Amino acid sequence: MEFAYRPDLDLFTARWLSLTQAATTRAEYDLLLQAPEALGTPHWLLDVRRRPVITLESARWVTGEWLPRAAALLSPARLRVAFLVAPVRAENLRDDPALRAVMEAAYAPGHAFDLRTFTDEGAAVAWLLGQLE
């Protein structure tokens, strides 16, 4: 994983540089919660394009457990997370009814965080900065 902070945009980026196994995913996500770059801004771009497969279990864990913990760490700031995904992964999130339900619930208002998925990095950054809704 590679972390970067852009002070000109107040944007934290985490990029997965290789394929990972489901067992390492939780540990990697937990590393994000310890990164000083991440804790200094509520705008997070998570580039998971090199991880084309998502399981229902991991989607539930990220949206139901990890994101609420991340949001609590940044409170009172409102966490905005943009996942940058490969087109095949976006298709998987759209076409699998169970995954789509998990993601739609996570996108819905009422959480301590805002979440969206993108296949275009420019659109993801624009959304994070409040230029797109």
C-alpha atoms as a PDB file:
ATOM      1  CA  MET A   1       0.000   0.000   0.000  1.00  0.00           C
ATOM      2  CA  GLU A   2       1.053   3.537  -0.651  1.00  0.00           C
ATOM      3  CA  PHE A   3      -0.206   6.570   1.286  1.00  0.00           C
ATOM      4  CA  ALA A   4      -0.071  10.174   0.125  1.00  0.00           C
ATOM      5  CA  TYR A   5      -1.432  13.494   1.338  1.00  0.00           C
ATOM      6  CA  ARG A   6      -2.065  16.474  -0.935  1.00  0.00           C
ATOM      7  CA  PRO A   7      -2.181  19.602   1.233  1.00  0.00           C
ATOM      8  CA  ASP A   8      -3.330  21.739  -1.713  1.00  0.00           C
ATOM      9  CA  LEU A   9      -6.521  19.640  -1.884  1.00  0.00           C
ATOM     10  CA  ASP A  10      -6.616  18.448   1.741  1.00  0.00           C
ATOM     11  CA  LEU A  11      -6.847  14.924   0.318  1.00  0.00           C
ATOM     12  CA  PHE A  12      -5.537  11.607   1.648  1.00  0.00           C
ATOM     13  CA  THR A  13      -4.964   8.837  -0.892  1.00  0.00           C
ATOM     14  CA  ALA A  14      -4.299   5.168  -0.230  1.00  0.00           C
ATOM     15  CA  ARG A  15      -3.404   2.951  -3.176  1.00  0.00           C
ATOM     16  CA  TRP A  16      -3.248  -0.808  -3.127  1.00  0.00           C
ATOM     17  CA  LEU A  17      -0.288  -1.628  -5.358  1.00  0.00           C
ATOM     18  CA  SER A  18      -0.850  -5.364  -5.679  1.00  0.00           C
ATOM     19  CA  LEU A  19      -3.509  -8.012  -5.330  1.00  0.00           C
ATOM     20  CA  THR A  20      -4.169  -8.988  -1.729  1.00  0.00           C
ATOM     21  CA  GLN A  21      -5.877 -11.890  -0.078  1.00  0.00           C
ATOM     22  CA  ALA A  22      -9.056 -11.411   1.947  1.00  0.00           C
ATOM     23  CA  ALA A  23      -7.124 -12.286   5.118  1.00  0.00           C
ATOM     24  CA  THR A  24      -4.793  -9.320   4.685  1.00  0.00           C
ATOM     25  CA  THR A  25      -7.541  -6.883   3.710  1.00  0.00           C
ATOM     26  CA  ARG A  26      -8.678  -6.147   7.277  1.00  0.00           C
ATOM     27  CA  ALA A  27      -5.124  -5.565   8.457  1.00  0.00           C
ATOM     28  CA  GLU A  28      -4.502  -3.211   5.553  1.00  0.00           C
ATOM     29  CA  TYR A  29      -7.662  -1.240   6.231  1.00  0.00           C
ATOM     30  CA  ASP A  30      -6.715  -1.023   9.899  1.00  0.00           C
ATOM     31  CA  LEU A  31      -3.324   0.426   8.870  1.00  0.00           C
ATOM     32  CA  LEU A  32      -5.221   3.299   7.245  1.00  0.00           C
ATOM     33  CA  LEU A  33      -6.710   4.187  10.622  1.00  0.00           C
ATOM     34  CA  GLN A  34      -3.192   4.607  12.006  1.00  0.00           C
ATOM     35  CA  ALA A  35      -1.787   6.682   9.152  1.00  0.00           C
ATOM     36  CA  PRO A  36      -1.151  10.272  10.276  1.00  0.00           C
ATOM     37  CA  GLU A  37      -1.874  11.456   6.730  1.00  0.00           C
ATOM     38  CA  ALA A  38      -5.372   9.973   6.956  1.00  0.00           C
ATOM     39  CA  LEU A  39      -6.177  11.386  10.362  1.00  0.00           C
ATOM     40  CA  GLY A  40      -5.394  14.934   9.243  1.00  0.00           C
ATOM     41  CA  THR A  41      -8.210  15.188   6.685  1.00  0.00           C
ATOM     42  CA  PRO A  42     -11.757  13.887   6.220  1.00  0.00           C
ATOM     43  CA  HIS A  43     -11.314  13.476   2.435  1.00  0.00           C
ATOM     44  CA  TRP A  44     -10.126   9.971   1.568  1.00  0.00           C
ATOM     45  CA  LEU A  45      -9.534   8.478  -1.866  1.00  0.00           C
ATOM     46  CA  LEU A  46      -9.035   4.713  -1.668  1.00  0.00           C
ATOM     47  CA  ASP A  47      -7.674   3.310  -4.921  1.00  0.00           C
ATOM     48  CA  VAL A  48      -8.560  -0.374  -5.009  1.00  0.00           C
ATOM     49  CA  ARG A  49      -8.379  -0.794  -8.797  1.00  0.00           C
ATOM     50  CA  ARG A  50      -5.736  -3.519  -8.467  1.00  0.00           C
ATOM     51  CA  ARG A  51      -8.138  -5.507  -6.326  1.00  0.00           C
ATOM     52  CA  PRO A  52     -10.816  -6.508  -8.858  1.00  0.00           C
ATOM     53  CA  VAL A  53     -12.837  -8.881  -6.661  1.00  0.00           C
ATOM     54  CA  ILE A  54     -15.003  -7.979  -3.690  1.00  0.00           C
ATOM     55  CA  THR A  55     -16.775 -10.468  -1.481  1.00  0.00           C
ATOM     56  CA  LEU A  56     -20.056  -9.903   0.283  1.00  0.00           C
ATOM     57  CA  GLU A  57     -18.300 -10.510   3.620  1.00  0.00           C
ATOM     58  CA  SER A  58     -15.650  -7.851   2.973  1.00  0.00           C
ATOM     59  CA  ALA A  59     -18.225  -5.320   1.724  1.00  0.00           C
ATOM     60  CA  ARG A  60     -20.274  -5.827   4.894  1.00  0.00           C
ATOM     61  CA  TRP A  61     -17.201  -5.471   7.095  1.00  0.00           C
ATOM     62  CA  VAL A  62     -15.929  -2.296   5.389  1.00  0.00           C
ATOM     63  CA  THR A  63     -19.309  -0.567   5.331  1.00  0.00           C
ATOM     64  CA  GLY A  64     -20.685  -1.864   8.629  1.00  0.00           C
ATOM     65  CA  GLU A  65     -17.628  -1.901  10.880  1.00  0.00           C
ATOM     66  CA  TRP A  66     -14.572  -0.216   9.394  1.00  0.00           C
ATOM     67  CA  LEU A  67     -16.166   2.955   7.991  1.00  0.00           C
ATOM     68  CA  PRO A  68     -18.007   3.755  11.245  1.00  0.00           C
ATOM     69  CA  ARG A  69     -14.702   3.363  13.154  1.00  0.00           C
ATOM     70  CA  ALA A  70     -12.913   5.602  10.657  1.00  0.00           C
ATOM     71  CA  ALA A  71     -15.670   8.216  10.931  1.00  0.00           C
ATOM     72  CA  ALA A  72     -15.460   8.154  14.722  1.00  0.00           C
ATOM     73  CA  LEU A  73     -11.709   8.824  14.581  1.00  0.00           C
ATOM     74  CA  LEU A  74     -12.280  11.952  12.503  1.00  0.00           C
ATOM     75  CA  SER A  75     -15.282  13.282  14.406  1.00  0.00           C
ATOM     76  CA  PRO A  76     -16.476  16.028  14.477  1.00  0.00           C
ATOM     77  CA  ALA A  77     -15.318  16.316  10.831  1.00  0.00           C
ATOM     78  CA  ARG A  78     -17.489  14.353   8.399  1.00  0.00           C
ATOM     79  CA  LEU A  79     -15.577  11.570   6.646  1.00  0.00           C
ATOM     80  CA  ARG A  80     -15.999  11.407   2.850  1.00  0.00           C
ATOM     81  CA  VAL A  81     -14.615   8.265   1.226  1.00  0.00           C
ATOM     82  CA  ALA A  82     -14.356   7.699  -2.504  1.00  0.00           C
ATOM     83  CA  PHE A  83     -13.437   4.197  -3.609  1.00  0.00           C
ATOM     84  CA  LEU A  84     -11.718   4.174  -6.979  1.00  0.00           C
ATOM     85  CA  VAL A  85     -12.546   0.787  -8.512  1.00  0.00           C
ATOM     86  CA  ALA A  86     -11.764  -1.085 -11.708  1.00  0.00           C
ATOM     87  CA  PRO A  87     -14.648  -1.224 -14.202  1.00  0.00           C
ATOM     88  CA  VAL A  88     -15.038  -4.967 -13.621  1.00  0.00           C
ATOM     89  CA  ARG A  89     -15.443  -4.307  -9.900  1.00  0.00           C
ATOM     90  CA  ALA A  90     -18.000  -1.544 -10.518  1.00  0.00           C
ATOM     91  CA  GLU A  91     -19.912  -3.986 -12.705  1.00  0.00           C
ATOM     92  CA  ASN A  92     -19.738  -6.610  -9.942  1.00  0.00           C
ATOM     93  CA  LEU A  93     -21.095  -4.108  -7.376  1.00  0.00           C
ATOM     94  CA  ARG A  94     -23.928  -3.214  -9.745  1.00  0.00           C
ATOM     95  CA  ASP A  95     -24.845  -6.702 -10.941  1.00  0.00           C
ATOM     96  CA  ASP A  96     -24.652  -8.756  -7.741  1.00  0.00           C
ATOM     97  CA  PRO A  97     -27.945  -8.150  -5.893  1.00  0.00           C
ATOM     98  CA  ALA A  98     -26.484  -8.810  -2.433  1.00  0.00           C
ATOM     99  CA  LEU A  99     -23.466  -6.531  -2.991  1.00  0.00           C
ATOM    100  CA  ARG A 100     -25.670  -3.854  -4.531  1.00  0.00           C
ATOM    101  CA  ALA A 101     -27.913  -3.910  -1.441  1.00  0.00           C
ATOM    102  CA  VAL A 102     -24.932  -3.537   0.913  1.00  0.00           C
ATOM    103  CA  MET A 103     -23.548  -0.628  -1.087  1.00  0.00           C
ATOM    104  CA  GLU A 104     -26.897   1.139  -1.494  1.00  0.00           C
ATOM    105  CA  ALA A 105     -27.375   0.953   2.265  1.00  0.00           C
ATOM    106  CA  ALA A 106     -23.899   2.444   2.773  1.00  0.00           C
ATOM    107  CA  TYR A 107     -24.590   5.233   0.258  1.00  0.00           C
ATOM    108  CA  ALA A 108     -27.836   6.187   2.003  1.00  0.00           C
ATOM    109  CA  PRO A 109     -28.025   9.225   4.306  1.00  0.00           C
ATOM    110  CA  GLY A 110     -27.926   8.702   8.041  1.00  0.00           C
ATOM    111  CA  HIS A 111     -24.360   7.480   8.470  1.00  0.00           C
ATOM    112  CA  ALA A 112     -21.466   9.357  10.078  1.00  0.00           C
ATOM    113  CA  PHE A 113     -19.710   9.173   6.688  1.00  0.00           C
ATOM    114  CA  ASP A 114     -20.366   9.787   3.001  1.00  0.00           C
ATOM    115  CA  LEU A 115     -19.372   7.032   0.584  1.00  0.00           C
ATOM    116  CA  ARG A 116     -19.299   6.678  -3.188  1.00  0.00           C
ATOM    117  CA  THR A 117     -17.541   4.461  -5.722  1.00  0.00           C
ATOM    118  CA  PHE A 118     -15.988   5.726  -8.956  1.00  0.00           C
ATOM    119  CA  THR A 119     -14.120   4.365 -11.951  1.00  0.00           C
ATOM    120  CA  ASP A 120     -12.718   7.825 -12.800  1.00  0.00           C
ATOM    121  CA  GLU A 121     -10.181   9.436 -10.449  1.00  0.00           C
ATOM    122  CA  GLY A 122     -11.027  12.996 -11.513  1.00  0.00           C
ATOM    123  CA  ALA A 123     -14.706  12.484 -10.706  1.00  0.00           C
ATOM    124  CA  ALA A 124     -13.798  10.900  -7.369  1.00  0.00           C
ATOM    125  CA  VAL A 125     -11.606  13.855  -6.369  1.00  0.00           C
ATOM    126  CA  ALA A 126     -14.257  16.341  -7.510  1.00  0.00           C
ATOM    127  CA  TRP A 127     -16.856  14.567  -5.355  1.00  0.00           C
ATOM    128  CA  LEU A 128     -14.525  14.482  -2.360  1.00  0.00           C
ATOM    129  CA  LEU A 129     -13.975  18.229  -2.663  1.00  0.00           C
ATOM    130  CA  GLY A 130     -17.719  18.889  -2.872  1.00  0.00           C
ATOM    131  CA  GLN A 131     -17.728  19.772  -6.558  1.00  0.00           C
ATOM    132  CA  LEU A 132     -20.032  16.852  -7.468  1.00  0.00           C
ATOM    133  CA  GLU A 133     -22.966  15.381  -5.605  1.00  0.00           C
END
